[in-house]
Amino acid sequence: MQNHIKKIILLSFALFVFAVQHSSAFSVPEILQYNLTWTGIKAGEAILEIRDNGPYVQFISRATSAKWVSLFYHVDDIVVSTVKKGHGENFVGIPHNYRIKIKEGRHRRDKEIQFDHTAKKVTYINHLDREKAEFGIEDSTFDSLSSFYYIRQIPLEVGKSVFVTVFDSKKIYKVEVQVLKKEEVETPLGTFKTILIKPIMKSEGIFYKKGDILIWLTDDEKRIPVLLKTKVVVGSITATLVGGRY
């Protein structure tokens, strides 16, 4: 059961990373609320949020376990990405700071990435292990959460992949996002015309997994992720948009 719960949390984190199109896709503030289910049983909740912070904008994601799950495996994970505001259509500028705090059962993680794009480097900090190190980065390198909002700014075309450079787990990755097809999906909020995408993950961090992740984005200027699925050993895990302000 613990492996299934971890899959649910991985699924909620996958919501951090991929959507599409122009600056009009963003409403500030924006809050997206998701139910996380395993084989039809609710096992947790996730929230994605955008906050205005002066010259910066903060992207926040939080995942928590349902009460019945928390009795034996409590989950409370939060990720905050702070980026400089861009200009014109490029609402998402360069990342400034990334912080991830994980509480999953007895497992704890508290890591931070400080970006210096002028010097083309990042400072990686593991607050629990008191580890600190510097790594070189490329131009337009994002963290795993801000890359979601970056891709929301760019156009997608069925049959063509898009790529984003991400620093995660002390490495730089060229993450491919395959644009598969357009289709209608039904959710508790109604029926949506969507674009189906599949990110190809290589990271050893929160996106590391063996099964495919499929994400359905609304086929409009908002590009809201309304549905996400991944297979597990037994059944599948689904994240479904159930509310919010967007």
C-alpha atoms as a PDB file:
ATOM      1  CA  MET A   1       0.000   0.000   0.000  1.00  0.00           C
ATOM      2  CA  GLN A   2       2.820   2.436   0.772  1.00  0.00           C
ATOM      3  CA  ASN A   3       4.137   2.055  -2.783  1.00  0.00           C
ATOM      4  CA  HIS A   4       0.688   2.993  -4.122  1.00  0.00           C
ATOM      5  CA  ILE A   5       0.547   6.069  -1.896  1.00  0.00           C
ATOM      6  CA  LYS A   6       3.992   7.141  -3.087  1.00  0.00           C
ATOM      7  CA  LYS A   7       2.749   6.751  -6.662  1.00  0.00           C
ATOM      8  CA  ILE A   8      -0.145   9.064  -5.840  1.00  0.00           C
ATOM      9  CA  ILE A   9       2.261  11.683  -4.543  1.00  0.00           C
ATOM     10  CA  LEU A  10       4.468  11.283  -7.625  1.00  0.00           C
ATOM     11  CA  LEU A  11       1.360  11.778  -9.711  1.00  0.00           C
ATOM     12  CA  SER A  12       0.476  14.969  -7.887  1.00  0.00           C
ATOM     13  CA  PHE A  13       4.008  16.242  -8.455  1.00  0.00           C
ATOM     14  CA  ALA A  14       3.692  15.479 -12.145  1.00  0.00           C
ATOM     15  CA  LEU A  15       1.029  18.171 -12.184  1.00  0.00           C
ATOM     16  CA  PHE A  16       3.856  20.633 -11.406  1.00  0.00           C
ATOM     17  CA  VAL A  17       5.438  20.320 -14.736  1.00  0.00           C
ATOM     18  CA  PHE A  18       3.480  20.517 -17.953  1.00  0.00           C
ATOM     19  CA  ALA A  19       0.834  22.728 -19.689  1.00  0.00           C
ATOM     20  CA  VAL A  20       0.875  25.280 -22.571  1.00  0.00           C
ATOM     21  CA  GLN A  21       0.423  28.595 -24.560  1.00  0.00           C
ATOM     22  CA  HIS A  22       0.390  32.404 -24.040  1.00  0.00           C
ATOM     23  CA  SER A  23       0.649  34.733 -21.052  1.00  0.00           C
ATOM     24  CA  SER A  24      -3.165  34.985 -21.088  1.00  0.00           C
ATOM     25  CA  ALA A  25      -3.149  31.419 -19.723  1.00  0.00           C
ATOM     26  CA  PHE A  26      -2.250  32.811 -16.297  1.00  0.00           C
ATOM     27  CA  SER A  27      -4.683  34.249 -13.799  1.00  0.00           C
ATOM     28  CA  VAL A  28      -3.036  35.747 -10.732  1.00  0.00           C
ATOM     29  CA  PRO A  29      -3.949  34.539  -8.234  1.00  0.00           C
ATOM     30  CA  GLU A  30      -4.742  31.075  -9.584  1.00  0.00           C
ATOM     31  CA  ILE A  31      -5.640  27.993  -7.534  1.00  0.00           C
ATOM     32  CA  LEU A  32      -6.261  24.515  -8.952  1.00  0.00           C
ATOM     33  CA  GLN A  33      -7.621  21.767  -6.686  1.00  0.00           C
ATOM     34  CA  TYR A  34      -7.295  18.036  -7.456  1.00  0.00           C
ATOM     35  CA  ASN A  35      -8.550  14.754  -6.025  1.00  0.00           C
ATOM     36  CA  LEU A  36      -6.048  11.887  -6.139  1.00  0.00           C
ATOM     37  CA  THR A  37      -7.580   8.431  -6.460  1.00  0.00           C
ATOM     38  CA  TRP A  38      -6.223   4.884  -6.654  1.00  0.00           C
ATOM     39  CA  THR A  39      -8.525   2.341  -8.322  1.00  0.00           C
ATOM     40  CA  GLY A  40     -11.431   4.733  -7.723  1.00  0.00           C
ATOM     41  CA  ILE A  41     -10.724   5.326  -4.019  1.00  0.00           C
ATOM     42  CA  LYS A  42      -9.777   8.820  -2.898  1.00  0.00           C
ATOM     43  CA  ALA A  43      -6.318   8.734  -1.316  1.00  0.00           C
ATOM     44  CA  GLY A  44      -5.231  12.373  -1.276  1.00  0.00           C
ATOM     45  CA  GLU A  45      -5.528  15.930  -2.541  1.00  0.00           C
ATOM     46  CA  ALA A  46      -3.254  18.320  -4.414  1.00  0.00           C
ATOM     47  CA  ILE A  47      -3.273  22.078  -4.953  1.00  0.00           C
ATOM     48  CA  LEU A  48      -1.431  24.220  -7.509  1.00  0.00           C
ATOM     49  CA  GLU A  49      -1.300  27.958  -6.849  1.00  0.00           C
ATOM     50  CA  ILE A  50       0.111  31.157  -8.352  1.00  0.00           C
ATOM     51  CA  ARG A  51       0.867  34.118  -6.064  1.00  0.00           C
ATOM     52  CA  ASP A  52       1.996  37.628  -6.958  1.00  0.00           C
ATOM     53  CA  ASN A  53       5.048  38.705  -4.947  1.00  0.00           C
ATOM     54  CA  GLY A  54       6.088  42.110  -6.296  1.00  0.00           C
ATOM     55  CA  PRO A  55       8.904  41.665  -8.851  1.00  0.00           C
ATOM     56  CA  TYR A  56       8.534  37.906  -8.466  1.00  0.00           C
ATOM     57  CA  VAL A  57       5.783  35.356  -8.916  1.00  0.00           C
ATOM     58  CA  GLN A  58       5.524  32.234  -6.752  1.00  0.00           C
ATOM     59  CA  PHE A  59       4.312  28.858  -7.967  1.00  0.00           C
ATOM     60  CA  ILE A  60       3.211  26.634  -5.105  1.00  0.00           C
ATOM     61  CA  SER A  61       2.212  22.981  -5.078  1.00  0.00           C
ATOM     62  CA  ARG A  62       1.021  20.989  -2.102  1.00  0.00           C
ATOM     63  CA  ALA A  63       0.003  17.338  -1.789  1.00  0.00           C
ATOM     64  CA  THR A  64      -1.615  15.792   1.290  1.00  0.00           C
ATOM     65  CA  SER A  65      -2.894  12.319   2.097  1.00  0.00           C
ATOM     66  CA  ALA A  66      -6.532  11.567   2.892  1.00  0.00           C
ATOM     67  CA  LYS A  67      -7.420  10.976   6.549  1.00  0.00           C
ATOM     68  CA  TRP A  68      -7.700   7.208   6.170  1.00  0.00           C
ATOM     69  CA  VAL A  69      -4.270   7.073   4.518  1.00  0.00           C
ATOM     70  CA  SER A  70      -2.707   9.356   7.126  1.00  0.00           C
ATOM     71  CA  LEU A  71      -3.544   6.851   9.842  1.00  0.00           C
ATOM     72  CA  PHE A  72      -0.658   4.678   8.653  1.00  0.00           C
ATOM     73  CA  TYR A  73       1.226   6.833   6.107  1.00  0.00           C
ATOM     74  CA  HIS A  74       0.928  10.591   6.565  1.00  0.00           C
ATOM     75  CA  VAL A  75       1.878  12.766   3.591  1.00  0.00           C
ATOM     76  CA  ASP A  76       2.355  16.533   3.552  1.00  0.00           C
ATOM     77  CA  ASP A  77       4.547  17.731   0.674  1.00  0.00           C
ATOM     78  CA  ILE A  78       5.068  21.317  -0.467  1.00  0.00           C
ATOM     79  CA  VAL A  79       7.100  22.838  -3.285  1.00  0.00           C
ATOM     80  CA  VAL A  80       7.623  26.561  -3.894  1.00  0.00           C
ATOM     81  CA  SER A  81       9.262  28.005  -7.001  1.00  0.00           C
ATOM     82  CA  THR A  82      10.018  31.739  -7.057  1.00  0.00           C
ATOM     83  CA  VAL A  83      10.758  33.277 -10.470  1.00  0.00           C
ATOM     84  CA  LYS A  84      11.343  36.769 -11.774  1.00  0.00           C
ATOM     85  CA  LYS A  85       8.453  38.158 -13.756  1.00  0.00           C
ATOM     86  CA  GLY A  86       9.020  38.161 -17.487  1.00  0.00           C
ATOM     87  CA  HIS A  87       7.997  40.718 -20.078  1.00  0.00           C
ATOM     88  CA  GLY A  88       5.306  40.735 -22.762  1.00  0.00           C
ATOM     89  CA  GLU A  89       4.126  37.244 -23.640  1.00  0.00           C
ATOM     90  CA  ASN A  90       6.859  35.670 -21.521  1.00  0.00           C
ATOM     91  CA  PHE A  91       5.098  35.935 -18.172  1.00  0.00           C
ATOM     92  CA  VAL A  92       7.444  33.366 -16.619  1.00  0.00           C
ATOM     93  CA  GLY A  93      10.957  34.753 -16.298  1.00  0.00           C
ATOM     94  CA  ILE A  94      14.070  33.042 -14.992  1.00  0.00           C
ATOM     95  CA  PRO A  95      13.938  31.006 -11.757  1.00  0.00           C
ATOM     96  CA  HIS A  96      15.231  32.640  -8.588  1.00  0.00           C
ATOM     97  CA  ASN A  97      14.703  30.027  -5.877  1.00  0.00           C
ATOM     98  CA  TYR A  98      13.243  26.519  -5.541  1.00  0.00           C
ATOM     99  CA  ARG A  99      12.391  24.802  -2.240  1.00  0.00           C
ATOM    100  CA  ILE A 100      10.955  21.316  -1.739  1.00  0.00           C
ATOM    101  CA  LYS A 101       9.870  19.922   1.629  1.00  0.00           C
ATOM    102  CA  ILE A 102       8.726  16.311   1.801  1.00  0.00           C
ATOM    103  CA  LYS A 103       6.995  14.510   4.661  1.00  0.00           C
ATOM    104  CA  GLU A 104       5.972  10.982   3.683  1.00  0.00           C
ATOM    105  CA  GLY A 105       5.666   8.579   6.581  1.00  0.00           C
ATOM    106  CA  ARG A 106       9.090   8.594   8.226  1.00  0.00           C
ATOM    107  CA  HIS A 107      10.763   9.953   5.108  1.00  0.00           C
ATOM    108  CA  ARG A 108      11.846  13.600   5.177  1.00  0.00           C
ATOM    109  CA  ARG A 109      13.414  15.814   2.524  1.00  0.00           C
ATOM    110  CA  ASP A 110      14.231  19.519   2.627  1.00  0.00           C
ATOM    111  CA  LYS A 111      16.172  20.765  -0.391  1.00  0.00           C
ATOM    112  CA  GLU A 112      16.723  24.149  -2.015  1.00  0.00           C
ATOM    113  CA  ILE A 113      18.121  25.432  -5.302  1.00  0.00           C
ATOM    114  CA  GLN A 114      19.337  29.029  -5.585  1.00  0.00           C
ATOM    115  CA  PHE A 115      19.681  30.223  -9.190  1.00  0.00           C
ATOM    116  CA  ASP A 116      22.328  32.691 -10.447  1.00  0.00           C
ATOM    117  CA  HIS A 117      21.700  33.026 -14.177  1.00  0.00           C
ATOM    118  CA  THR A 118      24.265  35.807 -14.551  1.00  0.00           C
ATOM    119  CA  ALA A 119      27.039  33.473 -13.399  1.00  0.00           C
ATOM    120  CA  LYS A 120      25.272  30.466 -14.996  1.00  0.00           C
ATOM    121  CA  LYS A 121      25.315  28.420 -11.818  1.00  0.00           C
ATOM    122  CA  VAL A 122      23.049  27.106  -9.089  1.00  0.00           C
ATOM    123  CA  THR A 123      23.691  26.551  -5.421  1.00  0.00           C
ATOM    124  CA  TYR A 124      22.200  23.258  -4.249  1.00  0.00           C
ATOM    125  CA  ILE A 125      21.424  22.961  -0.513  1.00  0.00           C
ATOM    126  CA  ASN A 126      20.297  19.869   1.384  1.00  0.00           C
ATOM    127  CA  HIS A 127      19.099  21.366   4.643  1.00  0.00           C
ATOM    128  CA  LEU A 128      18.708  18.046   6.463  1.00  0.00           C
ATOM    129  CA  ASP A 129      22.110  16.611   5.525  1.00  0.00           C
ATOM    130  CA  ARG A 130      23.822  20.017   5.701  1.00  0.00           C
ATOM    131  CA  GLU A 131      25.132  19.587   2.183  1.00  0.00           C
ATOM    132  CA  LYS A 132      25.925  22.515  -0.107  1.00  0.00           C
ATOM    133  CA  ALA A 133      27.343  22.456  -3.633  1.00  0.00           C
ATOM    134  CA  GLU A 134      27.483  24.520  -6.818  1.00  0.00           C
ATOM    135  CA  PHE A 135      26.701  23.353 -10.357  1.00  0.00           C
ATOM    136  CA  GLY A 136      26.883  24.981 -13.766  1.00  0.00           C
ATOM    137  CA  ILE A 137      23.674  25.554 -15.737  1.00  0.00           C
ATOM    138  CA  GLU A 138      22.686  26.569 -19.246  1.00  0.00           C
ATOM    139  CA  ASP A 139      20.699  29.575 -20.414  1.00  0.00           C
ATOM    140  CA  SER A 140      16.960  29.233 -19.702  1.00  0.00           C
ATOM    141  CA  THR A 141      17.354  26.464 -17.125  1.00  0.00           C
ATOM    142  CA  PHE A 142      14.270  25.906 -14.965  1.00  0.00           C
ATOM    143  CA  ASP A 143      13.419  23.952 -11.841  1.00  0.00           C
ATOM    144  CA  SER A 144      10.860  21.162 -12.136  1.00  0.00           C
ATOM    145  CA  LEU A 145       7.935  23.349 -10.976  1.00  0.00           C
ATOM    146  CA  SER A 146       8.580  26.551 -12.929  1.00  0.00           C
ATOM    147  CA  SER A 147       9.047  24.486 -16.091  1.00  0.00           C
ATOM    148  CA  PHE A 148       5.310  23.675 -15.894  1.00  0.00           C
ATOM    149  CA  TYR A 149       4.407  27.330 -16.164  1.00  0.00           C
ATOM    150  CA  TYR A 150       7.088  28.030 -18.752  1.00  0.00           C
ATOM    151  CA  ILE A 151       5.588  25.416 -21.059  1.00  0.00           C
ATOM    152  CA  ARG A 152       2.161  26.945 -20.517  1.00  0.00           C
ATOM    153  CA  GLN A 153       3.464  29.938 -22.470  1.00  0.00           C
ATOM    154  CA  ILE A 154       4.547  28.135 -25.618  1.00  0.00           C
ATOM    155  CA  PRO A 155       2.423  26.644 -28.427  1.00  0.00           C
ATOM    156  CA  LEU A 156       1.874  22.906 -28.776  1.00  0.00           C
ATOM    157  CA  GLU A 157       1.241  21.034 -32.003  1.00  0.00           C
ATOM    158  CA  VAL A 158      -0.020  17.465 -32.184  1.00  0.00           C
ATOM    159  CA  GLY A 159       2.724  15.129 -33.363  1.00  0.00           C
ATOM    160  CA  LYS A 160       5.581  17.447 -32.373  1.00  0.00           C
ATOM    161  CA  SER A 161       7.559  17.322 -29.129  1.00  0.00           C
ATOM    162  CA  VAL A 162       8.685  20.342 -27.129  1.00  0.00           C
ATOM    163  CA  PHE A 163      11.686  20.436 -24.810  1.00  0.00           C
ATOM    164  CA  VAL A 164      12.616  22.270 -21.627  1.00  0.00           C
ATOM    165  CA  THR A 165      15.911  22.339 -19.713  1.00  0.00           C
ATOM    166  CA  VAL A 166      15.472  21.410 -16.052  1.00  0.00           C
ATOM    167  CA  PHE A 167      17.940  21.249 -13.148  1.00  0.00           C
ATOM    168  CA  ASP A 168      16.939  18.511 -10.706  1.00  0.00           C
ATOM    169  CA  SER A 169      18.797  16.051  -8.465  1.00  0.00           C
ATOM    170  CA  LYS A 170      22.173  17.721  -9.117  1.00  0.00           C
ATOM    171  CA  LYS A 171      21.851  17.261 -12.888  1.00  0.00           C
ATOM    172  CA  ILE A 172      20.595  19.070 -15.979  1.00  0.00           C
ATOM    173  CA  TYR A 173      17.968  17.296 -18.068  1.00  0.00           C
ATOM    174  CA  LYS A 174      16.487  18.026 -21.485  1.00  0.00           C
ATOM    175  CA  VAL A 175      12.915  16.990 -20.752  1.00  0.00           C
ATOM    176  CA  GLU A 176      10.839  16.002 -23.766  1.00  0.00           C
ATOM    177  CA  VAL A 177       7.077  16.551 -23.797  1.00  0.00           C
ATOM    178  CA  GLN A 178       5.278  14.559 -26.486  1.00  0.00           C
ATOM    179  CA  VAL A 179       2.046  16.075 -27.841  1.00  0.00           C
ATOM    180  CA  LEU A 180      -0.110  13.044 -28.629  1.00  0.00           C
ATOM    181  CA  LYS A 181      -3.625  14.051 -29.703  1.00  0.00           C
ATOM    182  CA  LYS A 182      -6.775  16.087 -29.043  1.00  0.00           C
ATOM    183  CA  GLU A 183      -9.840  14.536 -27.412  1.00  0.00           C
ATOM    184  CA  GLU A 184     -12.808  15.218 -25.132  1.00  0.00           C
ATOM    185  CA  VAL A 185     -12.730  14.059 -21.516  1.00  0.00           C
ATOM    186  CA  GLU A 186     -15.429  14.022 -18.831  1.00  0.00           C
ATOM    187  CA  THR A 187     -14.752  15.261 -15.298  1.00  0.00           C
ATOM    188  CA  PRO A 188     -16.908  16.223 -12.296  1.00  0.00           C
ATOM    189  CA  LEU A 189     -16.688  19.806 -13.575  1.00  0.00           C
ATOM    190  CA  GLY A 190     -17.996  18.891 -17.018  1.00  0.00           C
ATOM    191  CA  THR A 191     -16.739  17.805 -20.433  1.00  0.00           C
ATOM    192  CA  PHE A 192     -13.593  19.446 -21.785  1.00  0.00           C
ATOM    193  CA  LYS A 193     -11.875  19.569 -25.151  1.00  0.00           C
ATOM    194  CA  THR A 194      -8.272  18.726 -24.364  1.00  0.00           C
ATOM    195  CA  ILE A 195      -4.774  18.167 -25.687  1.00  0.00           C
ATOM    196  CA  LEU A 196      -3.101  14.987 -24.429  1.00  0.00           C
ATOM    197  CA  ILE A 197       0.614  15.196 -23.622  1.00  0.00           C
ATOM    198  CA  LYS A 198       3.190  12.781 -22.230  1.00  0.00           C
ATOM    199  CA  PRO A 199       6.340  14.045 -20.487  1.00  0.00           C
ATOM    200  CA  ILE A 200       9.365  11.752 -20.858  1.00  0.00           C
ATOM    201  CA  MET A 201      11.034  11.875 -17.455  1.00  0.00           C
ATOM    202  CA  LYS A 202      14.717  11.090 -16.880  1.00  0.00           C
ATOM    203  CA  SER A 203      15.249  12.781 -13.538  1.00  0.00           C
ATOM    204  CA  GLU A 204      16.215  10.898 -10.404  1.00  0.00           C
ATOM    205  CA  GLY A 205      14.154  13.313  -8.358  1.00  0.00           C
ATOM    206  CA  ILE A 206      10.431  13.566  -7.775  1.00  0.00           C
ATOM    207  CA  PHE A 207       9.578  12.680 -11.379  1.00  0.00           C
ATOM    208  CA  TYR A 208      11.483   9.403 -11.488  1.00  0.00           C
ATOM    209  CA  LYS A 209       9.135   6.539 -12.297  1.00  0.00           C
ATOM    210  CA  LYS A 210       8.775   3.503 -14.540  1.00  0.00           C
ATOM    211  CA  GLY A 211       5.278   3.990 -15.946  1.00  0.00           C
ATOM    212  CA  ASP A 212       4.053   6.622 -18.406  1.00  0.00           C
ATOM    213  CA  ILE A 213       2.322   9.772 -17.186  1.00  0.00           C
ATOM    214  CA  LEU A 214      -0.493  11.132 -19.339  1.00  0.00           C
ATOM    215  CA  ILE A 215      -1.829  14.674 -18.871  1.00  0.00           C
ATOM    216  CA  TRP A 216      -4.966  16.170 -20.438  1.00  0.00           C
ATOM    217  CA  LEU A 217      -4.846  19.983 -20.866  1.00  0.00           C
ATOM    218  CA  THR A 218      -7.806  22.128 -21.852  1.00  0.00           C
ATOM    219  CA  ASP A 219      -7.606  23.041 -25.535  1.00  0.00           C
ATOM    220  CA  ASP A 220      -8.011  26.794 -24.976  1.00  0.00           C
ATOM    221  CA  GLU A 221      -5.961  29.794 -23.875  1.00  0.00           C
ATOM    222  CA  LYS A 222      -5.963  28.628 -20.230  1.00  0.00           C
ATOM    223  CA  ARG A 223      -4.352  25.205 -20.834  1.00  0.00           C
ATOM    224  CA  ILE A 224      -5.583  23.901 -17.480  1.00  0.00           C
ATOM    225  CA  PRO A 225      -4.497  20.335 -16.582  1.00  0.00           C
ATOM    226  CA  VAL A 226      -7.869  18.721 -15.873  1.00  0.00           C
ATOM    227  CA  LEU A 227      -6.882  15.050 -15.752  1.00  0.00           C
ATOM    228  CA  LEU A 228      -3.741  12.972 -15.220  1.00  0.00           C
ATOM    229  CA  LYS A 229      -3.232   9.229 -15.145  1.00  0.00           C
ATOM    230  CA  THR A 230      -0.434   6.742 -14.543  1.00  0.00           C
ATOM    231  CA  LYS A 231      -0.415   2.948 -14.296  1.00  0.00           C
ATOM    232  CA  VAL A 232       0.850   1.099 -11.246  1.00  0.00           C
ATOM    233  CA  VAL A 233       1.388  -2.589 -10.530  1.00  0.00           C
ATOM    234  CA  VAL A 234      -2.264  -2.921  -9.566  1.00  0.00           C
ATOM    235  CA  GLY A 235      -4.672  -0.590 -11.360  1.00  0.00           C
ATOM    236  CA  SER A 236      -3.932   3.070 -11.992  1.00  0.00           C
ATOM    237  CA  ILE A 237      -3.776   6.424 -10.225  1.00  0.00           C
ATOM    238  CA  THR A 238      -5.772   9.414 -11.388  1.00  0.00           C
ATOM    239  CA  ALA A 239      -5.597  13.114 -10.519  1.00  0.00           C
ATOM    240  CA  THR A 240      -8.800  14.987 -11.395  1.00  0.00           C
ATOM    241  CA  LEU A 241      -9.474  18.720 -11.272  1.00  0.00           C
ATOM    242  CA  VAL A 242     -12.394  19.332  -8.905  1.00  0.00           C
ATOM    243  CA  GLY A 243     -12.303  23.062  -8.229  1.00  0.00           C
ATOM    244  CA  GLY A 244     -10.324  26.243  -7.814  1.00  0.00           C
ATOM    245  CA  ARG A 245     -10.120  29.793  -9.142  1.00  0.00           C
ATOM    246  CA  TYR A 246      -8.774  30.189 -12.683  1.00  0.00           C
END
